[in-house]
Amino acid sequence: MGKGTGSFGKRRNKTHTLCIRCGRRSFHLQKSTCSSCGYPAARIRKYNWSVKAIRRKTTGTGRMRYLRHVPRRFKSNFREGWLLAVYRSLQVDMGNLMFVCYMPQINDFFTSQFRN
């Protein structure tokens, strides 16, 4: 049998399945490697001879669930929660005055912030 029309009906085995890292149907079952991302290798597969392929996969083309919030958090010096809100309101109200509180963790925080 040749490689033509008659032999295409016999092809019913899949060589590639879904990759658990990149989600594409590029994971070769016998080789146990992904032809798209290179899984299970530690580093993502990329080659400089295909600059457009790198551009399609690079940071910013997906959801960026963590990274998209980093610039905003950087502005507040990565401080979080109610302590930041208290700090901002007192900074506006009190200027450079010393703040004394009965809760030691807040007291330490403000004495370090408003020290001359």
PDB file of N, CA and C in Angstrom:
ATOM      1  N   MET A   1       0.839  -1.187   0.000  1.00  0.00           N
ATOM      2  CA  MET A   1       0.000   0.000   0.000  1.00  0.00           C
ATOM      3  C   MET A   1       0.882   1.248   0.000  1.00  0.00           C
ATOM      4  N   GLY A   2       0.485   2.202  -0.829  1.00  0.00           N
ATOM      5  CA  GLY A   2       1.251   3.451  -0.914  1.00  0.00           C
ATOM      6  C   GLY A   2       0.899   4.424   0.209  1.00  0.00           C
ATOM      7  N   LYS A   3       1.407   5.656   0.045  1.00  0.00           N
ATOM      8  CA  LYS A   3       1.165   6.678   1.073  1.00  0.00           C
ATOM      9  C   LYS A   3      -0.043   7.553   0.733  1.00  0.00           C
ATOM     10  N   GLY A   4      -0.777   7.206  -0.294  1.00  0.00           N
ATOM     11  CA  GLY A   4      -1.836   8.066  -0.799  1.00  0.00           C
ATOM     12  C   GLY A   4      -3.173   7.884  -0.113  1.00  0.00           C
ATOM     13  N   THR A   5      -4.253   8.066  -0.906  1.00  0.00           N
ATOM     14  CA  THR A   5      -5.614   8.113  -0.383  1.00  0.00           C
ATOM     15  C   THR A   5      -6.002   6.858   0.379  1.00  0.00           C
ATOM     16  N   GLY A   6      -5.636   5.710  -0.114  1.00  0.00           N
ATOM     17  CA  GLY A   6      -6.027   4.457   0.524  1.00  0.00           C
ATOM     18  C   GLY A   6      -5.445   4.279   1.913  1.00  0.00           C
ATOM     19  N   SER A   7      -4.270   4.833   2.149  1.00  0.00           N
ATOM     20  CA  SER A   7      -3.620   4.622   3.444  1.00  0.00           C
ATOM     21  C   SER A   7      -4.117   5.596   4.518  1.00  0.00           C
ATOM     22  N   PHE A   8      -4.813   6.651   4.117  1.00  0.00           N
ATOM     23  CA  PHE A   8      -5.271   7.629   5.115  1.00  0.00           C
ATOM     24  C   PHE A   8      -6.385   7.069   5.992  1.00  0.00           C
ATOM     25  N   GLY A   9      -7.135   6.092   5.486  1.00  0.00           N
ATOM     26  CA  GLY A   9      -8.186   5.491   6.289  1.00  0.00           C
ATOM     27  C   GLY A   9      -7.655   4.651   7.437  1.00  0.00           C
ATOM     28  N   LYS A  10      -6.424   4.183   7.318  1.00  0.00           N
ATOM     29  CA  LYS A  10      -5.839   3.338   8.350  1.00  0.00           C
ATOM     30  C   LYS A  10      -5.235   4.147   9.498  1.00  0.00           C
ATOM     31  N   ARG A  11      -5.116   5.462   9.330  1.00  0.00           N
ATOM     32  CA  ARG A  11      -4.457   6.285  10.354  1.00  0.00           C
ATOM     33  C   ARG A  11      -5.462   6.669  11.436  1.00  0.00           C
ATOM     34  N   ARG A  12      -5.434   5.933  12.536  1.00  0.00           N
ATOM     35  CA  ARG A  12      -6.372   6.244  13.608  1.00  0.00           C
ATOM     36  C   ARG A  12      -5.694   6.318  14.971  1.00  0.00           C
ATOM     37  N   ASN A  13      -4.367   6.328  14.981  1.00  0.00           N
ATOM     38  CA  ASN A  13      -3.639   6.447  16.242  1.00  0.00           C
ATOM     39  C   ASN A  13      -3.128   7.877  16.406  1.00  0.00           C
ATOM     40  N   LYS A  14      -3.248   8.388  17.614  1.00  0.00           N
ATOM     41  CA  LYS A  14      -2.790   9.757  17.864  1.00  0.00           C
ATOM     42  C   LYS A  14      -1.373   9.714  18.436  1.00  0.00           C
ATOM     43  N   THR A  15      -0.498  10.525  17.861  1.00  0.00           N
ATOM     44  CA  THR A  15       0.863  10.612  18.392  1.00  0.00           C
ATOM     45  C   THR A  15       0.977  11.712  19.439  1.00  0.00           C
ATOM     46  N   HIS A  16       0.154  12.738  19.322  1.00  0.00           N
ATOM     47  CA  HIS A  16       0.229  13.873  20.246  1.00  0.00           C
ATOM     48  C   HIS A  16      -1.056  13.984  21.062  1.00  0.00           C
ATOM     49  N   THR A  17      -0.892  14.384  22.321  1.00  0.00           N
ATOM     50  CA  THR A  17      -2.038  14.637  23.195  1.00  0.00           C
ATOM     51  C   THR A  17      -1.830  15.983  23.880  1.00  0.00           C
ATOM     52  N   LEU A  18      -2.759  16.380  24.760  1.00  0.00           N
ATOM     53  CA  LEU A  18      -2.674  17.692  25.396  1.00  0.00           C
ATOM     54  C   LEU A  18      -1.505  17.759  26.370  1.00  0.00           C
ATOM     55  N   CYS A  19      -0.813  18.889  26.340  1.00  0.00           N
ATOM     56  CA  CYS A  19       0.297  19.132  27.264  1.00  0.00           C
ATOM     57  C   CYS A  19      -0.256  19.779  28.525  1.00  0.00           C
ATOM     58  N   ILE A  20       0.213  19.332  29.691  1.00  0.00           N
ATOM     59  CA  ILE A  20      -0.336  19.876  30.934  1.00  0.00           C
ATOM     60  C   ILE A  20       0.268  21.231  31.281  1.00  0.00           C
ATOM     61  N   ARG A  21       1.366  21.628  30.623  1.00  0.00           N
ATOM     62  CA  ARG A  21       1.948  22.943  30.911  1.00  0.00           C
ATOM     63  C   ARG A  21       1.411  24.022  29.980  1.00  0.00           C
ATOM     64  N   CYS A  22       1.424  23.786  28.674  1.00  0.00           N
ATOM     65  CA  CYS A  22       1.001  24.844  27.748  1.00  0.00           C
ATOM     66  C   CYS A  22      -0.421  24.652  27.245  1.00  0.00           C
ATOM     67  N   GLY A  23      -0.998  23.458  27.413  1.00  0.00           N
ATOM     68  CA  GLY A  23      -2.382  23.233  27.022  1.00  0.00           C
ATOM     69  C   GLY A  23      -2.586  22.928  25.552  1.00  0.00           C
ATOM     70  N   ARG A  24      -1.532  22.901  24.767  1.00  0.00           N
ATOM     71  CA  ARG A  24      -1.669  22.610  23.344  1.00  0.00           C
ATOM     72  C   ARG A  24      -1.597  21.108  23.092  1.00  0.00           C
ATOM     73  N   ARG A  25      -2.071  20.690  21.938  1.00  0.00           N
ATOM     74  CA  ARG A  25      -2.040  19.266  21.597  1.00  0.00           C
ATOM     75  C   ARG A  25      -0.698  18.951  20.944  1.00  0.00           C
ATOM     76  N   SER A  26       0.357  19.079  21.730  1.00  0.00           N
ATOM     77  CA  SER A  26       1.712  18.948  21.209  1.00  0.00           C
ATOM     78  C   SER A  26       2.565  17.978  22.003  1.00  0.00           C
ATOM     79  N   PHE A  27       1.991  17.313  22.992  1.00  0.00           N
ATOM     80  CA  PHE A  27       2.766  16.402  23.823  1.00  0.00           C
ATOM     81  C   PHE A  27       2.873  15.058  23.123  1.00  0.00           C
ATOM     82  N   HIS A  28       4.075  14.671  22.720  1.00  0.00           N
ATOM     83  CA  HIS A  28       4.301  13.426  21.999  1.00  0.00           C
ATOM     84  C   HIS A  28       4.267  12.264  22.983  1.00  0.00           C
ATOM     85  N   LEU A  29       3.407  11.295  22.713  1.00  0.00           N
ATOM     86  CA  LEU A  29       3.181  10.221  23.676  1.00  0.00           C
ATOM     87  C   LEU A  29       4.378   9.282  23.800  1.00  0.00           C
ATOM     88  N   GLN A  30       5.029   8.956  22.692  1.00  0.00           N
ATOM     89  CA  GLN A  30       6.160   8.032  22.773  1.00  0.00           C
ATOM     90  C   GLN A  30       7.436   8.723  23.237  1.00  0.00           C
ATOM     91  N   LYS A  31       7.647   9.959  22.789  1.00  0.00           N
ATOM     92  CA  LYS A  31       8.840  10.698  23.220  1.00  0.00           C
ATOM     93  C   LYS A  31       8.672  11.278  24.621  1.00  0.00           C
ATOM     94  N   SER A  32       7.430  11.455  25.050  1.00  0.00           N
ATOM     95  CA  SER A  32       7.098  12.095  26.334  1.00  0.00           C
ATOM     96  C   SER A  32       7.664  13.501  26.439  1.00  0.00           C
ATOM     97  N   THR A  33       7.618  14.247  25.348  1.00  0.00           N
ATOM     98  CA  THR A  33       8.028  15.651  25.369  1.00  0.00           C
ATOM     99  C   THR A  33       7.029  16.466  24.567  1.00  0.00           C
ATOM    100  N   CYS A  34       6.875  17.714  24.951  1.00  0.00           N
ATOM    101  CA  CYS A  34       5.978  18.619  24.237  1.00  0.00           C
ATOM    102  C   CYS A  34       6.767  19.338  23.152  1.00  0.00           C
ATOM    103  N   SER A  35       6.238  19.355  21.950  1.00  0.00           N
ATOM    104  CA  SER A  35       6.935  20.013  20.853  1.00  0.00           C
ATOM    105  C   SER A  35       6.714  21.516  20.862  1.00  0.00           C
ATOM    106  N   SER A  36       5.800  22.002  21.694  1.00  0.00           N
ATOM    107  CA  SER A  36       5.540  23.431  21.754  1.00  0.00           C
ATOM    108  C   SER A  36       6.327  24.113  22.869  1.00  0.00           C
ATOM    109  N   CYS A  37       6.221  23.581  24.091  1.00  0.00           N
ATOM    110  CA  CYS A  37       6.875  24.244  25.228  1.00  0.00           C
ATOM    111  C   CYS A  37       8.073  23.473  25.756  1.00  0.00           C
ATOM    112  N   GLY A  38       8.267  22.223  25.328  1.00  0.00           N
ATOM    113  CA  GLY A  38       9.418  21.450  25.758  1.00  0.00           C
ATOM    114  C   GLY A  38       9.233  20.682  27.045  1.00  0.00           C
ATOM    115  N   TYR A  39       8.011  20.678  27.595  1.00  0.00           N
ATOM    116  CA  TYR A  39       7.747  19.944  28.836  1.00  0.00           C
ATOM    117  C   TYR A  39       8.141  18.484  28.643  1.00  0.00           C
ATOM    118  N   PRO A  40       8.801  17.820  29.581  1.00  0.00           N
ATOM    119  CA  PRO A  40       9.034  18.131  30.993  1.00  0.00           C
ATOM    120  C   PRO A  40      10.335  18.865  31.291  1.00  0.00           C
ATOM    121  N   ALA A  41      10.973  19.471  30.306  1.00  0.00           N
ATOM    122  CA  ALA A  41      12.178  20.253  30.583  1.00  0.00           C
ATOM    123  C   ALA A  41      11.830  21.429  31.490  1.00  0.00           C
ATOM    124  N   ALA A  42      12.779  21.833  32.307  1.00  0.00           N
ATOM    125  CA  ALA A  42      12.520  22.896  33.279  1.00  0.00           C
ATOM    126  C   ALA A  42      12.309  24.240  32.590  1.00  0.00           C
ATOM    127  N   ARG A  43      13.036  24.476  31.504  1.00  0.00           N
ATOM    128  CA  ARG A  43      12.929  25.762  30.813  1.00  0.00           C
ATOM    129  C   ARG A  43      11.925  25.671  29.663  1.00  0.00           C
ATOM    130  N   ILE A  44      11.234  26.777  29.421  1.00  0.00           N
ATOM    131  CA  ILE A  44      10.277  26.839  28.312  1.00  0.00           C
ATOM    132  C   ILE A  44      11.048  26.820  26.988  1.00  0.00           C
ATOM    133  N   ARG A  45      10.557  26.051  26.029  1.00  0.00           N
ATOM    134  CA  ARG A  45      11.210  25.942  24.728  1.00  0.00           C
ATOM    135  C   ARG A  45      11.008  27.223  23.939  1.00  0.00           C
ATOM    136  N   LYS A  46      12.121  27.851  23.519  1.00  0.00           N
ATOM    137  CA  LYS A  46      12.046  29.015  22.631  1.00  0.00           C
ATOM    138  C   LYS A  46      13.336  29.106  21.833  1.00  0.00           C
ATOM    139  N   TYR A  47      13.208  29.542  20.589  1.00  0.00           N
ATOM    140  CA  TYR A  47      14.362  29.670  19.711  1.00  0.00           C
ATOM    141  C   TYR A  47      14.330  31.044  19.064  1.00  0.00           C
ATOM    142  N   ASN A  48      15.508  31.661  18.946  1.00  0.00           N
ATOM    143  CA  ASN A  48      15.577  33.014  18.397  1.00  0.00           C
ATOM    144  C   ASN A  48      15.362  33.051  16.889  1.00  0.00           C
ATOM    145  N   TRP A  49      15.352  31.893  16.225  1.00  0.00           N
ATOM    146  CA  TRP A  49      15.058  31.917  14.806  1.00  0.00           C
ATOM    147  C   TRP A  49      13.576  32.117  14.540  1.00  0.00           C
ATOM    148  N   SER A  50      12.760  32.073  15.589  1.00  0.00           N
ATOM    149  CA  SER A  50      11.334  32.353  15.423  1.00  0.00           C
ATOM    150  C   SER A  50      10.917  33.437  16.413  1.00  0.00           C
ATOM    151  N   VAL A  51      11.186  34.678  16.044  1.00  0.00           N
ATOM    152  CA  VAL A  51      10.922  35.806  16.934  1.00  0.00           C
ATOM    153  C   VAL A  51       9.421  36.004  17.116  1.00  0.00           C
ATOM    154  N   LYS A  52       8.648  35.757  16.056  1.00  0.00           N
ATOM    155  CA  LYS A  52       7.195  35.941  16.163  1.00  0.00           C
ATOM    156  C   LYS A  52       6.573  34.934  17.120  1.00  0.00           C
ATOM    157  N   ALA A  53       7.107  33.721  17.152  1.00  0.00           N
ATOM    158  CA  ALA A  53       6.587  32.714  18.078  1.00  0.00           C
ATOM    159  C   ALA A  53       6.863  33.122  19.518  1.00  0.00           C
ATOM    160  N   ILE A  54       8.032  33.705  19.770  1.00  0.00           N
ATOM    161  CA  ILE A  54       8.350  34.193  21.118  1.00  0.00           C
ATOM    162  C   ILE A  54       7.398  35.314  21.499  1.00  0.00           C
ATOM    163  N   ARG A  55       7.112  36.201  20.536  1.00  0.00           N
ATOM    164  CA  ARG A  55       6.232  37.341  20.790  1.00  0.00           C
ATOM    165  C   ARG A  55       4.806  36.884  21.118  1.00  0.00           C
ATOM    166  N   ARG A  56       4.369  35.787  20.503  1.00  0.00           N
ATOM    167  CA  ARG A  56       3.020  35.282  20.776  1.00  0.00           C
ATOM    168  C   ARG A  56       2.893  34.708  22.173  1.00  0.00           C
ATOM    169  N   LYS A  57       3.984  34.161  22.705  1.00  0.00           N
ATOM    170  CA  LYS A  57       3.922  33.450  23.982  1.00  0.00           C
ATOM    171  C   LYS A  57       4.400  34.274  25.166  1.00  0.00           C
ATOM    172  N   THR A  58       4.911  35.482  24.934  1.00  0.00           N
ATOM    173  CA  THR A  58       5.635  36.200  25.981  1.00  0.00           C
ATOM    174  C   THR A  58       4.708  36.752  27.059  1.00  0.00           C
ATOM    175  N   THR A  59       5.298  37.300  28.110  1.00  0.00           N
ATOM    176  CA  THR A  59       4.539  37.878  29.214  1.00  0.00           C
ATOM    177  C   THR A  59       3.679  39.027  28.706  1.00  0.00           C
ATOM    178  N   GLY A  60       2.426  39.051  29.123  1.00  0.00           N
ATOM    179  CA  GLY A  60       1.509  40.098  28.686  1.00  0.00           C
ATOM    180  C   GLY A  60       0.507  39.613  27.663  1.00  0.00           C
ATOM    181  N   THR A  61       0.693  38.409  27.135  1.00  0.00           N
ATOM    182  CA  THR A  61      -0.267  37.886  26.169  1.00  0.00           C
ATOM    183  C   THR A  61      -1.347  37.067  26.855  1.00  0.00           C
ATOM    184  N   GLY A  62      -1.158  36.784  28.137  1.00  0.00           N
ATOM    185  CA  GLY A  62      -2.145  36.013  28.889  1.00  0.00           C
ATOM    186  C   GLY A  62      -2.840  36.884  29.920  1.00  0.00           C
ATOM    187  N   ARG A  63      -3.322  36.263  30.984  1.00  0.00           N
ATOM    188  CA  ARG A  63      -4.087  36.996  31.999  1.00  0.00           C
ATOM    189  C   ARG A  63      -3.212  37.805  32.938  1.00  0.00           C
ATOM    190  N   MET A  64      -2.015  37.333  33.209  1.00  0.00           N
ATOM    191  CA  MET A  64      -1.095  37.980  34.154  1.00  0.00           C
ATOM    192  C   MET A  64      -1.762  38.187  35.506  1.00  0.00           C
ATOM    193  N   ARG A  65      -2.320  37.128  36.088  1.00  0.00           N
ATOM    194  CA  ARG A  65      -3.099  37.237  37.313  1.00  0.00           C
ATOM    195  C   ARG A  65      -2.313  37.850  38.459  1.00  0.00           C
ATOM    196  N   TYR A  66      -1.010  37.607  38.518  1.00  0.00           N
ATOM    197  CA  TYR A  66      -0.202  38.184  39.593  1.00  0.00           C
ATOM    198  C   TYR A  66       0.451  39.494  39.149  1.00  0.00           C
ATOM    199  N   LEU A  67       1.059  39.481  37.957  1.00  0.00           N
ATOM    200  CA  LEU A  67       1.915  40.595  37.548  1.00  0.00           C
ATOM    201  C   LEU A  67       1.166  41.887  37.284  1.00  0.00           C
ATOM    202  N   ARG A  68      -0.106  41.826  36.913  1.00  0.00           N
ATOM    203  CA  ARG A  68      -0.793  43.059  36.550  1.00  0.00           C
ATOM    204  C   ARG A  68      -1.053  43.953  37.750  1.00  0.00           C
ATOM    205  N   HIS A  69      -0.978  43.398  38.974  1.00  0.00           N
ATOM    206  CA  HIS A  69      -1.207  44.202  40.171  1.00  0.00           C
ATOM    207  C   HIS A  69       0.083  44.726  40.785  1.00  0.00           C
ATOM    208  N   VAL A  70       1.230  44.278  40.313  1.00  0.00           N
ATOM    209  CA  VAL A  70       2.503  44.646  40.938  1.00  0.00           C
ATOM    210  C   VAL A  70       2.804  46.139  40.829  1.00  0.00           C
ATOM    211  N   PRO A  71       2.596  46.834  39.682  1.00  0.00           N
ATOM    212  CA  PRO A  71       2.904  48.269  39.635  1.00  0.00           C
ATOM    213  C   PRO A  71       2.110  49.084  40.650  1.00  0.00           C
ATOM    214  N   ARG A  72       0.846  48.739  40.857  1.00  0.00           N
ATOM    215  CA  ARG A  72       0.037  49.470  41.839  1.00  0.00           C
ATOM    216  C   ARG A  72       0.536  49.207  43.252  1.00  0.00           C
ATOM    217  N   ARG A  73       0.900  47.956  43.549  1.00  0.00           N
ATOM    218  CA  ARG A  73       1.403  47.630  44.883  1.00  0.00           C
ATOM    219  C   ARG A  73       2.765  48.258  45.128  1.00  0.00           C
ATOM    220  N   PHE A  74       3.533  48.456  44.062  1.00  0.00           N
ATOM    221  CA  PHE A  74       4.844  49.086  44.185  1.00  0.00           C
ATOM    222  C   PHE A  74       4.719  50.526  44.658  1.00  0.00           C
ATOM    223  N   LYS A  75       3.649  51.214  44.223  1.00  0.00           N
ATOM    224  CA  LYS A  75       3.459  52.613  44.616  1.00  0.00           C
ATOM    225  C   LYS A  75       3.290  52.764  46.116  1.00  0.00           C
ATOM    226  N   SER A  76       2.672  51.764  46.768  1.00  0.00           N
ATOM    227  CA  SER A  76       2.478  51.843  48.215  1.00  0.00           C
ATOM    228  C   SER A  76       3.559  51.074  48.966  1.00  0.00           C
ATOM    229  N   ASN A  77       4.670  50.783  48.272  1.00  0.00           N
ATOM    230  CA  ASN A  77       5.803  50.098  48.896  1.00  0.00           C
ATOM    231  C   ASN A  77       5.412  48.707  49.394  1.00  0.00           C
ATOM    232  N   PHE A  78       4.433  48.074  48.722  1.00  0.00           N
ATOM    233  CA  PHE A  78       3.966  46.717  49.012  1.00  0.00           C
ATOM    234  C   PHE A  78       3.364  46.586  50.408  1.00  0.00           C
ATOM    235  N   ARG A  79       2.868  47.702  50.971  1.00  0.00           N
ATOM    236  CA  ARG A  79       2.146  47.615  52.244  1.00  0.00           C
ATOM    237  C   ARG A  79       0.708  47.242  51.941  1.00  0.00           C
ATOM    238  N   GLU A  80       0.082  46.489  52.847  1.00  0.00           N
ATOM    239  CA  GLU A  80      -1.261  45.979  52.588  1.00  0.00           C
ATOM    240  C   GLU A  80      -2.170  46.193  53.776  1.00  0.00           C
ATOM    241  N   GLY A  81      -3.467  46.153  53.508  1.00  0.00           N
ATOM    242  CA  GLY A  81      -4.476  46.021  54.553  1.00  0.00           C
ATOM    243  C   GLY A  81      -4.796  47.294  55.294  1.00  0.00           C
ATOM    244  N   TRP A  82      -5.384  47.122  56.481  1.00  0.00           N
ATOM    245  CA  TRP A  82      -5.909  48.237  57.257  1.00  0.00           C
ATOM    246  C   TRP A  82      -4.792  49.147  57.747  1.00  0.00           C
ATOM    247  N   LEU A  83      -3.596  48.610  57.958  1.00  0.00           N
ATOM    248  CA  LEU A  83      -2.491  49.423  58.451  1.00  0.00           C
ATOM    249  C   LEU A  83      -2.129  50.498  57.438  1.00  0.00           C
ATOM    250  N   LEU A  84      -2.209  50.162  56.159  1.00  0.00           N
ATOM    251  CA  LEU A  84      -1.917  51.135  55.120  1.00  0.00           C
ATOM    252  C   LEU A  84      -2.957  52.244  55.112  1.00  0.00           C
ATOM    253  N   ALA A  85      -4.243  51.891  55.276  1.00  0.00           N
ATOM    254  CA  ALA A  85      -5.293  52.904  55.295  1.00  0.00           C
ATOM    255  C   ALA A  85      -5.123  53.838  56.489  1.00  0.00           C
ATOM    256  N   VAL A  86      -4.803  53.286  57.658  1.00  0.00           N
ATOM    257  CA  VAL A  86      -4.574  54.110  58.851  1.00  0.00           C
ATOM    258  C   VAL A  86      -3.377  55.013  58.636  1.00  0.00           C
ATOM    259  N   TYR A  87      -2.327  54.480  58.064  1.00  0.00           N
ATOM    260  CA  TYR A  87      -1.112  55.249  57.829  1.00  0.00           C
ATOM    261  C   TYR A  87      -1.385  56.414  56.892  1.00  0.00           C
ATOM    262  N   ARG A  88      -2.141  56.167  55.821  1.00  0.00           N
ATOM    263  CA  ARG A  88      -2.423  57.233  54.861  1.00  0.00           C
ATOM    264  C   ARG A  88      -3.257  58.342  55.492  1.00  0.00           C
ATOM    265  N   SER A  89      -4.302  57.972  56.253  1.00  0.00           N
ATOM    266  CA  SER A  89      -5.157  58.995  56.848  1.00  0.00           C
ATOM    267  C   SER A  89      -4.387  59.807  57.878  1.00  0.00           C
ATOM    268  N   LEU A  90      -3.565  59.162  58.678  1.00  0.00           N
ATOM    269  CA  LEU A  90      -2.805  59.892  59.690  1.00  0.00           C
ATOM    270  C   LEU A  90      -1.720  60.748  59.067  1.00  0.00           C
ATOM    271  N   GLN A  91      -1.174  60.311  57.962  1.00  0.00           N
ATOM    272  CA  GLN A  91      -0.148  61.107  57.303  1.00  0.00           C
ATOM    273  C   GLN A  91      -0.752  62.410  56.790  1.00  0.00           C
ATOM    274  N   VAL A  92      -1.988  62.345  56.310  1.00  0.00           N
ATOM    275  CA  VAL A  92      -2.671  63.544  55.837  1.00  0.00           C
ATOM    276  C   VAL A  92      -3.052  64.431  57.016  1.00  0.00           C
ATOM    277  N   ASP A  93      -3.582  63.834  58.110  1.00  0.00           N
ATOM    278  CA  ASP A  93      -4.097  64.618  59.229  1.00  0.00           C
ATOM    279  C   ASP A  93      -2.992  65.196  60.096  1.00  0.00           C
ATOM    280  N   MET A  94      -1.983  64.397  60.419  1.00  0.00           N
ATOM    281  CA  MET A  94      -1.060  64.779  61.471  1.00  0.00           C
ATOM    282  C   MET A  94       0.266  65.329  60.976  1.00  0.00           C
ATOM    283  N   GLY A  95       0.584  65.149  59.727  1.00  0.00           N
ATOM    284  CA  GLY A  95       1.864  65.635  59.250  1.00  0.00           C
ATOM    285  C   GLY A  95       3.005  64.845  59.849  1.00  0.00           C
ATOM    286  N   ASN A  96       3.898  65.527  60.559  1.00  0.00           N
ATOM    287  CA  ASN A  96       5.071  64.867  61.125  1.00  0.00           C
ATOM    288  C   ASN A  96       4.961  64.657  62.624  1.00  0.00           C
ATOM    289  N   LEU A  97       3.760  64.709  63.203  1.00  0.00           N
ATOM    290  CA  LEU A  97       3.600  64.510  64.640  1.00  0.00           C
ATOM    291  C   LEU A  97       3.823  63.057  65.019  1.00  0.00           C
ATOM    292  N   MET A  98       4.244  62.846  66.250  1.00  0.00           N
ATOM    293  CA  MET A  98       4.427  61.488  66.765  1.00  0.00           C
ATOM    294  C   MET A  98       3.068  60.902  67.095  1.00  0.00           C
ATOM    295  N   PHE A  99       2.854  59.636  66.768  1.00  0.00           N
ATOM    296  CA  PHE A  99       1.581  58.983  67.030  1.00  0.00           C
ATOM    297  C   PHE A  99       1.796  57.916  68.092  1.00  0.00           C
ATOM    298  N   VAL A 100       1.044  58.004  69.177  1.00  0.00           N
ATOM    299  CA  VAL A 100       1.165  57.041  70.264  1.00  0.00           C
ATOM    300  C   VAL A 100      -0.112  56.236  70.324  1.00  0.00           C
ATOM    301  N   CYS A 101       0.018  54.927  70.379  1.00  0.00           N
ATOM    302  CA  CYS A 101      -1.144  54.052  70.385  1.00  0.00           C
ATOM    303  C   CYS A 101      -0.924  52.960  71.412  1.00  0.00           C
ATOM    304  N   TYR A 102      -2.028  52.334  71.840  1.00  0.00           N
ATOM    305  CA  TYR A 102      -1.931  51.281  72.836  1.00  0.00           C
ATOM    306  C   TYR A 102      -1.574  49.935  72.226  1.00  0.00           C
ATOM    307  N   MET A 103      -1.673  49.820  70.895  1.00  0.00           N
ATOM    308  CA  MET A 103      -1.305  48.563  70.246  1.00  0.00           C
ATOM    309  C   MET A 103       0.165  48.643  69.842  1.00  0.00           C
ATOM    310  N   PRO A 104       1.025  47.797  70.398  1.00  0.00           N
ATOM    311  CA  PRO A 104       2.464  47.966  70.200  1.00  0.00           C
ATOM    312  C   PRO A 104       2.922  47.869  68.750  1.00  0.00           C
ATOM    313  N   GLN A 105       2.272  47.013  67.924  1.00  0.00           N
ATOM    314  CA  GLN A 105       2.752  46.886  66.557  1.00  0.00           C
ATOM    315  C   GLN A 105       2.501  48.159  65.764  1.00  0.00           C
ATOM    316  N   ILE A 106       1.373  48.849  66.040  1.00  0.00           N
ATOM    317  CA  ILE A 106       1.100  50.110  65.353  1.00  0.00           C
ATOM    318  C   ILE A 106       2.044  51.180  65.867  1.00  0.00           C
ATOM    319  N   ASN A 107       2.284  51.198  67.175  1.00  0.00           N
ATOM    320  CA  ASN A 107       3.159  52.197  67.764  1.00  0.00           C
ATOM    321  C   ASN A 107       4.565  52.096  67.171  1.00  0.00           C
ATOM    322  N   ASP A 108       5.079  50.885  67.039  1.00  0.00           N
ATOM    323  CA  ASP A 108       6.402  50.697  66.453  1.00  0.00           C
ATOM    324  C   ASP A 108       6.425  51.149  65.003  1.00  0.00           C
ATOM    325  N   PHE A 109       5.343  50.859  64.290  1.00  0.00           N
ATOM    326  CA  PHE A 109       5.273  51.237  62.885  1.00  0.00           C
ATOM    327  C   PHE A 109       5.331  52.753  62.729  1.00  0.00           C
ATOM    328  N   PHE A 110       4.537  53.470  63.537  1.00  0.00           N
ATOM    329  CA  PHE A 110       4.472  54.917  63.373  1.00  0.00           C
ATOM    330  C   PHE A 110       5.697  55.628  63.926  1.00  0.00           C
ATOM    331  N   THR A 111       6.295  55.106  64.977  1.00  0.00           N
ATOM    332  CA  THR A 111       7.506  55.751  65.481  1.00  0.00           C
ATOM    333  C   THR A 111       8.630  55.640  64.465  1.00  0.00           C
ATOM    334  N   SER A 112       8.671  54.539  63.720  1.00  0.00           N
ATOM    335  CA  SER A 112       9.701  54.420  62.691  1.00  0.00           C
ATOM    336  C   SER A 112       9.387  55.309  61.490  1.00  0.00           C
ATOM    337  N   GLN A 113       8.102  55.573  61.209  1.00  0.00           N
ATOM    338  CA  GLN A 113       7.737  56.373  60.045  1.00  0.00           C
ATOM    339  C   GLN A 113       7.922  57.866  60.289  1.00  0.00           C
ATOM    340  N   PHE A 114       7.576  58.344  61.488  1.00  0.00           N
ATOM    341  CA  PHE A 114       7.558  59.784  61.743  1.00  0.00           C
ATOM    342  C   PHE A 114       8.783  60.268  62.501  1.00  0.00           C
ATOM    343  N   ARG A 115       9.801  59.434  62.640  1.00  0.00           N
ATOM    344  CA  ARG A 115      11.008  59.837  63.366  1.00  0.00           C
ATOM    345  C   ARG A 115      11.758  60.891  62.553  1.00  0.00           C
ATOM    346  N   ASN A 116      12.233  61.940  63.219  1.00  0.00           N
ATOM    347  CA  ASN A 116      12.948  63.026  62.519  1.00  0.00           C
ATOM    348  C   ASN A 116      14.417  62.702  62.357  1.00  0.00           C
TER     349      ASN A 116
END
